[in-house]
Amino acid sequence: DKIGKIKTVFQDVSIAFLLCGADFFGLMQVGKVLNAVGLVSLAIAAVLTIWSGLSYILKNKAVLKEQK
């Protein structure tokens, strides 16, 4: 689903910003800004994860109820 793909983008962005923020210990302000952007992106990814998971479950009720 499209939501899952957008979620993956936010996850990738958050990881990149958090890793880059960890490298800027000498420039503390830059590191703080990068970490803040990374954490906000991670929070958005978490919300999108729940949204896409619920969407998947609702769209595939029949498959999930199927018994063998």
Protein backbone atom coordinates (compact mmCIF):
# COMPACT_ATOMS: atom_id res chain seq x y z
CA ASP A 1 0.00 0.00 0.00
CA LYS A 2 1.09 3.57 -0.56
CA ILE A 3 1.04 4.34 3.18
CA GLY A 4 3.55 1.57 3.79
CA LYS A 5 5.91 3.01 1.20
CA ILE A 6 5.66 6.49 2.72
CA LYS A 7 6.31 4.96 6.15
CA THR A 8 9.47 3.34 4.83
CA VAL A 9 10.70 6.69 3.52
CA PHE A 10 10.18 8.29 6.94
CA GLN A 11 12.00 5.37 8.62
CA ASP A 12 14.95 5.71 6.27
CA VAL A 13 15.07 9.48 6.73
CA SER A 14 14.92 9.17 10.51
CA ILE A 15 17.75 6.63 10.60
CA ALA A 16 19.92 8.80 8.36
CA PHE A 17 19.34 11.94 10.43
CA LEU A 18 19.88 10.16 13.74
CA LEU A 19 23.14 8.62 12.51
CA CYS A 20 24.34 11.94 11.10
CA GLY A 21 23.39 13.73 14.30
CA ALA A 22 25.52 11.33 16.31
CA ASP A 23 28.59 12.32 14.26
CA PHE A 24 28.38 16.03 15.10
CA PHE A 25 29.53 15.97 18.71
CA GLY A 26 31.89 18.88 18.09
CA LEU A 27 29.10 20.99 16.65
CA MET A 28 26.49 20.33 19.31
CA GLN A 29 23.81 22.60 17.84
CA VAL A 30 23.98 20.84 14.46
CA GLY A 31 23.76 17.46 16.17
CA LYS A 32 20.73 18.56 18.19
CA VAL A 33 18.91 19.78 15.09
CA LEU A 34 19.67 16.58 13.17
CA ASN A 35 18.56 14.45 16.11
CA ALA A 36 15.34 16.46 16.45
CA VAL A 37 14.51 15.99 12.78
CA GLY A 38 15.33 12.29 13.11
CA LEU A 39 13.07 11.86 16.14
CA VAL A 40 10.17 13.69 14.50
CA SER A 41 10.57 11.51 11.41
CA LEU A 42 10.64 8.42 13.60
CA ALA A 43 7.44 9.49 15.36
CA ILE A 44 5.73 10.03 12.00
CA ALA A 45 6.95 6.60 10.88
CA ALA A 46 5.48 5.03 14.02
CA VAL A 47 2.07 6.60 13.36
CA LEU A 48 2.20 5.51 9.72
CA THR A 49 3.14 1.98 10.83
CA ILE A 50 -0.01 1.72 12.91
CA TRP A 51 -2.10 3.28 10.14
CA SER A 52 -0.76 0.95 7.44
CA GLY A 53 -1.13 -2.07 9.73
CA LEU A 54 -4.76 -1.28 10.48
CA SER A 55 -5.39 -0.61 6.80
CA TYR A 56 -3.89 -3.98 5.89
CA ILE A 57 -6.00 -5.80 8.46
CA LEU A 58 -9.22 -4.08 7.37
CA LYS A 59 -8.57 -4.74 3.68
CA ASN A 60 -7.72 -8.40 4.25
CA LYS A 61 -10.30 -9.53 6.80
CA ALA A 62 -11.36 -12.47 4.66
CA VAL A 63 -7.82 -13.78 4.30
CA LEU A 64 -7.17 -13.47 8.02
CA LYS A 65 -10.40 -15.34 8.90
CA GLU A 66 -9.69 -18.15 6.44
CA GLN A 67 -9.32 -21.52 8.13
CA LYS A 68 -7.62 -24.53 6.64
